[in-house]
Amino acid sequence: MQDLIERLMAQGLTEEQAYKAIEVIKNFTKEKFPLFSGAIDKLFDKYGPKDEEDFIP
């Protein structure tokens, strides 16, 4: 996924815009192929940005 983000940024998008573009593509794909929405979510979640884990020592 990072490769795609970098390609979008190389085309002039900010990092935030690149992630938003991917979110739009994800939602569009889920609308067009609702049967695969679970698989699409897993794919995009697996390769999407990771939230920082809270760690309290």
N, C-alpha and C. Protein backbone atom coordinates (compact mmCIF):
# COMPACT_ATOMS: atom_id res chain seq x y z
N MET A 1 0.82 -1.19 0.00
CA MET A 1 0.00 0.00 0.00
C MET A 1 0.87 1.25 0.00
N GLN A 2 2.00 1.16 0.69
CA GLN A 2 2.88 2.32 0.75
C GLN A 2 3.37 2.70 -0.65
N ASP A 3 3.59 1.71 -1.50
CA ASP A 3 4.00 2.00 -2.88
C ASP A 3 2.94 2.84 -3.59
N LEU A 4 1.68 2.49 -3.38
CA LEU A 4 0.60 3.23 -4.01
C LEU A 4 0.53 4.65 -3.47
N ILE A 5 0.68 4.79 -2.16
CA ILE A 5 0.69 6.13 -1.54
C ILE A 5 1.81 6.97 -2.14
N GLU A 6 2.99 6.38 -2.27
CA GLU A 6 4.13 7.11 -2.82
C GLU A 6 3.89 7.50 -4.28
N ARG A 7 3.27 6.62 -5.05
CA ARG A 7 2.98 6.95 -6.44
C ARG A 7 1.98 8.11 -6.54
N LEU A 8 0.97 8.06 -5.69
CA LEU A 8 -0.01 9.15 -5.69
C LEU A 8 0.65 10.46 -5.27
N MET A 9 1.53 10.40 -4.30
CA MET A 9 2.23 11.60 -3.85
C MET A 9 3.17 12.12 -4.93
N ALA A 10 3.76 11.22 -5.70
CA ALA A 10 4.64 11.63 -6.81
C ALA A 10 3.84 12.36 -7.89
N GLN A 11 2.54 12.12 -7.94
CA GLN A 11 1.68 12.78 -8.90
C GLN A 11 1.14 14.11 -8.38
N GLY A 12 1.57 14.50 -7.17
CA GLY A 12 1.22 15.81 -6.66
C GLY A 12 0.23 15.83 -5.51
N LEU A 13 -0.24 14.67 -5.07
CA LEU A 13 -1.15 14.64 -3.93
C LEU A 13 -0.36 14.69 -2.62
N THR A 14 -0.98 15.26 -1.61
CA THR A 14 -0.39 15.19 -0.28
C THR A 14 -0.64 13.78 0.26
N GLU A 15 0.03 13.43 1.34
CA GLU A 15 -0.18 12.12 1.93
C GLU A 15 -1.64 11.94 2.35
N GLU A 16 -2.21 12.97 2.95
CA GLU A 16 -3.61 12.92 3.37
C GLU A 16 -4.54 12.72 2.17
N GLN A 17 -4.28 13.42 1.08
CA GLN A 17 -5.09 13.28 -0.12
C GLN A 17 -4.95 11.88 -0.71
N ALA A 18 -3.74 11.33 -0.67
CA ALA A 18 -3.51 9.98 -1.20
C ALA A 18 -4.30 8.95 -0.42
N TYR A 19 -4.28 9.05 0.90
CA TYR A 19 -5.06 8.12 1.72
C TYR A 19 -6.56 8.29 1.47
N LYS A 20 -7.00 9.53 1.29
CA LYS A 20 -8.41 9.78 1.00
C LYS A 20 -8.80 9.19 -0.35
N ALA A 21 -7.93 9.30 -1.34
CA ALA A 21 -8.20 8.73 -2.66
C ALA A 21 -8.35 7.21 -2.56
N ILE A 22 -7.50 6.59 -1.78
CA ILE A 22 -7.59 5.14 -1.61
C ILE A 22 -8.88 4.77 -0.90
N GLU A 23 -9.28 5.57 0.06
CA GLU A 23 -10.55 5.32 0.77
C GLU A 23 -11.73 5.40 -0.19
N VAL A 24 -11.69 6.37 -1.10
CA VAL A 24 -12.76 6.51 -2.10
C VAL A 24 -12.78 5.28 -3.01
N ILE A 25 -11.62 4.83 -3.44
CA ILE A 25 -11.53 3.64 -4.29
C ILE A 25 -12.05 2.42 -3.55
N LYS A 26 -11.69 2.29 -2.28
CA LYS A 26 -12.16 1.17 -1.46
C LYS A 26 -13.69 1.16 -1.39
N ASN A 27 -14.27 2.29 -1.07
CA ASN A 27 -15.74 2.38 -0.95
C ASN A 27 -16.44 2.15 -2.29
N PHE A 28 -15.87 2.67 -3.36
CA PHE A 28 -16.43 2.46 -4.69
C PHE A 28 -16.42 0.98 -5.05
N THR A 29 -15.31 0.32 -4.78
CA THR A 29 -15.18 -1.10 -5.08
C THR A 29 -16.18 -1.92 -4.28
N LYS A 30 -16.37 -1.57 -3.01
CA LYS A 30 -17.34 -2.27 -2.17
C LYS A 30 -18.76 -2.09 -2.68
N GLU A 31 -19.08 -0.90 -3.20
CA GLU A 31 -20.41 -0.65 -3.75
C GLU A 31 -20.64 -1.46 -5.02
N LYS A 32 -19.62 -1.56 -5.86
CA LYS A 32 -19.76 -2.27 -7.12
C LYS A 32 -19.73 -3.79 -6.95
N PHE A 33 -19.02 -4.25 -5.92
CA PHE A 33 -18.88 -5.68 -5.67
C PHE A 33 -19.21 -6.00 -4.21
N PRO A 34 -20.48 -5.82 -3.83
CA PRO A 34 -20.85 -6.00 -2.42
C PRO A 34 -20.59 -7.40 -1.89
N LEU A 35 -20.57 -8.38 -2.77
CA LEU A 35 -20.31 -9.75 -2.36
C LEU A 35 -18.90 -9.89 -1.79
N PHE A 36 -18.00 -9.03 -2.23
CA PHE A 36 -16.61 -9.11 -1.80
C PHE A 36 -16.23 -8.04 -0.78
N SER A 37 -17.21 -7.38 -0.19
CA SER A 37 -16.90 -6.26 0.71
C SER A 37 -16.05 -6.68 1.90
N GLY A 38 -16.28 -7.86 2.44
CA GLY A 38 -15.46 -8.33 3.56
C GLY A 38 -14.02 -8.52 3.15
N ALA A 39 -13.80 -9.12 1.99
CA ALA A 39 -12.44 -9.34 1.49
C ALA A 39 -11.75 -8.01 1.16
N ILE A 40 -12.52 -7.08 0.62
CA ILE A 40 -11.98 -5.76 0.29
C ILE A 40 -11.55 -5.05 1.57
N ASP A 41 -12.38 -5.10 2.61
CA ASP A 41 -12.02 -4.49 3.89
C ASP A 41 -10.73 -5.09 4.44
N LYS A 42 -10.64 -6.42 4.41
CA LYS A 42 -9.44 -7.08 4.93
C LYS A 42 -8.20 -6.68 4.14
N LEU A 43 -8.32 -6.61 2.83
CA LEU A 43 -7.19 -6.23 1.99
C LEU A 43 -6.72 -4.82 2.31
N PHE A 44 -7.66 -3.88 2.32
CA PHE A 44 -7.28 -2.50 2.57
C PHE A 44 -6.83 -2.29 4.01
N ASP A 45 -7.44 -2.97 4.96
CA ASP A 45 -7.03 -2.83 6.36
C ASP A 45 -5.64 -3.40 6.58
N LYS A 46 -5.35 -4.50 5.91
CA LYS A 46 -4.04 -5.14 6.05
C LYS A 46 -2.93 -4.23 5.55
N TYR A 47 -3.18 -3.54 4.45
CA TYR A 47 -2.14 -2.72 3.84
C TYR A 47 -2.34 -1.23 4.07
N GLY A 48 -3.33 -0.87 4.85
CA GLY A 48 -3.59 0.53 5.13
C GLY A 48 -2.68 1.07 6.22
N PRO A 49 -2.85 2.32 6.56
CA PRO A 49 -2.03 2.91 7.62
C PRO A 49 -2.33 2.25 8.96
N LYS A 50 -1.31 2.05 9.74
CA LYS A 50 -1.45 1.42 11.06
C LYS A 50 -1.62 2.50 12.12
N ASP A 51 -2.59 2.28 13.00
CA ASP A 51 -2.77 3.19 14.12
C ASP A 51 -1.67 2.91 15.14
N GLU A 52 -1.24 3.95 15.79
CA GLU A 52 -0.24 3.78 16.83
C GLU A 52 -0.85 3.01 17.98
N GLU A 53 -0.14 2.04 18.47
CA GLU A 53 -0.64 1.27 19.61
C GLU A 53 -0.32 2.02 20.89
N ASP A 54 -1.28 2.05 21.78
CA ASP A 54 -1.04 2.65 23.09
C ASP A 54 -0.29 1.65 23.93
N PHE A 55 0.81 2.08 24.49
CA PHE A 55 1.61 1.19 25.31
C PHE A 55 2.00 1.94 26.57
N ILE A 56 1.55 1.44 27.67
CA ILE A 56 1.89 2.06 28.96
C ILE A 56 2.77 1.07 29.69
N PRO A 57 4.03 1.41 29.93
CA PRO A 57 4.93 0.47 30.63
C PRO A 57 4.56 0.26 32.06
